[in-house]
Amino acid sequence: MEKDIGKIRKNDTTEVVVRVDDFGGRKGLTIREFVTSDRYTGFTKSGVRILASDFPKFKEMINSVTSEDLKEESSQISSKEDEELPDY
């Protein structure tokens, strides 16, 4: 049983796919990268699997993140832009 929950585009060739699946007889949530290119199309090894028994804790952790937590501070952005890179 596989049920795709959603996809987020990472770049031109890669998407992050979230799905509920049954692997080895154990249900869980899988978050993996899916690549579409000339050389290879399919899931990569990059990703994580959350067992159904651990999902309530994972959901609690995700739900504890606020928009404020993810907000970039303007001073951090400008300091990175003004940072001088060394000459090599």
Protein backbone atom coordinates (compact mmCIF):
# COMPACT_ATOMS: atom_id res chain seq x y z
CA MET A 1 0.00 0.00 0.00
CA GLU A 2 1.50 3.30 -1.12
CA LYS A 3 -0.20 6.67 -0.88
CA ASP A 4 1.58 9.80 -2.07
CA ILE A 5 0.88 12.72 0.26
CA GLY A 6 2.69 15.42 -1.70
CA LYS A 7 5.79 16.65 -3.51
CA ILE A 8 8.06 19.67 -3.12
CA ARG A 9 10.36 20.69 -5.98
CA LYS A 10 13.99 20.87 -4.82
CA ASN A 11 15.58 21.82 -8.16
CA ASP A 12 15.14 21.21 -11.91
CA THR A 13 15.63 17.44 -11.63
CA THR A 14 14.71 16.58 -8.02
CA GLU A 15 11.53 16.53 -5.97
CA VAL A 16 11.04 15.60 -2.32
CA VAL A 17 8.20 13.06 -2.09
CA VAL A 18 6.21 12.38 1.07
CA ARG A 19 4.27 9.11 1.10
CA VAL A 20 2.66 6.60 3.40
CA ASP A 21 3.83 3.08 2.60
CA ASP A 22 4.22 -0.43 3.88
CA PHE A 23 7.83 -1.61 3.77
CA GLY A 24 8.73 -4.99 5.17
CA GLY A 25 5.27 -5.35 6.64
CA ARG A 26 5.63 -2.15 8.67
CA LYS A 27 3.62 0.97 7.84
CA GLY A 28 5.30 4.32 7.97
CA LEU A 29 5.88 7.73 6.47
CA THR A 30 8.67 7.97 3.89
CA ILE A 31 10.30 11.24 2.81
CA ARG A 32 12.67 10.69 -0.14
CA GLU A 33 14.15 12.43 -3.14
CA PHE A 34 12.90 11.51 -6.61
CA VAL A 35 15.16 12.35 -9.57
CA THR A 36 14.16 12.72 -13.21
CA SER A 37 17.18 12.99 -15.52
CA ASP A 38 18.70 11.47 -18.66
CA ARG A 39 20.90 9.12 -16.60
CA TYR A 40 18.41 8.02 -13.95
CA THR A 41 14.75 8.37 -13.06
CA GLY A 42 13.56 7.16 -9.69
CA PHE A 43 14.01 7.42 -5.95
CA THR A 44 17.46 8.08 -4.55
CA LYS A 45 18.90 6.71 -1.31
CA SER A 46 18.49 10.15 0.28
CA GLY A 47 15.57 10.22 2.65
CA VAL A 48 14.08 9.15 5.93
CA ARG A 49 11.41 6.72 7.09
CA ILE A 50 9.27 7.33 10.16
CA LEU A 51 7.56 4.21 11.50
CA ALA A 52 3.84 4.50 12.20
CA SER A 53 4.53 3.95 15.90
CA ASP A 54 6.86 7.00 15.91
CA PHE A 55 4.59 9.21 13.79
CA PRO A 56 2.74 10.89 16.71
CA LYS A 57 6.07 12.14 18.13
CA PHE A 58 7.25 13.25 14.65
CA LYS A 59 3.97 15.12 14.09
CA GLU A 60 4.29 16.80 17.49
CA MET A 61 7.82 17.91 16.61
CA ILE A 62 6.78 19.29 13.21
CA ASN A 63 3.73 21.05 14.63
CA SER A 64 5.91 22.75 17.26
CA VAL A 65 7.77 24.68 14.52
CA THR A 66 6.29 28.15 14.01
CA SER A 67 6.55 30.62 11.15
CA GLU A 68 8.60 32.79 13.49
CA ASP A 69 11.12 29.95 13.93
CA LEU A 70 11.67 29.88 10.16
CA LYS A 71 11.79 33.63 9.66
CA GLU A 72 15.20 34.86 8.52
CA GLU A 73 16.61 37.82 10.33
CA SER A 74 17.40 40.72 8.00
CA SER A 75 20.75 41.32 9.74
CA GLN A 76 21.86 37.76 8.95
CA ILE A 77 20.94 38.14 5.28
CA SER A 78 22.72 41.47 4.81
CA SER A 79 25.85 40.35 6.66
CA LYS A 80 26.19 37.35 4.35
CA GLU A 81 25.77 39.55 1.29
CA ASP A 82 28.42 41.99 2.55
CA GLU A 83 30.88 39.25 3.51
CA GLU A 84 34.11 39.37 1.55
CA LEU A 85 35.42 36.14 0.10
CA PRO A 86 39.14 35.39 0.23
CA ASP A 87 41.26 35.49 -2.95
CA TYR A 88 42.79 32.17 -3.90
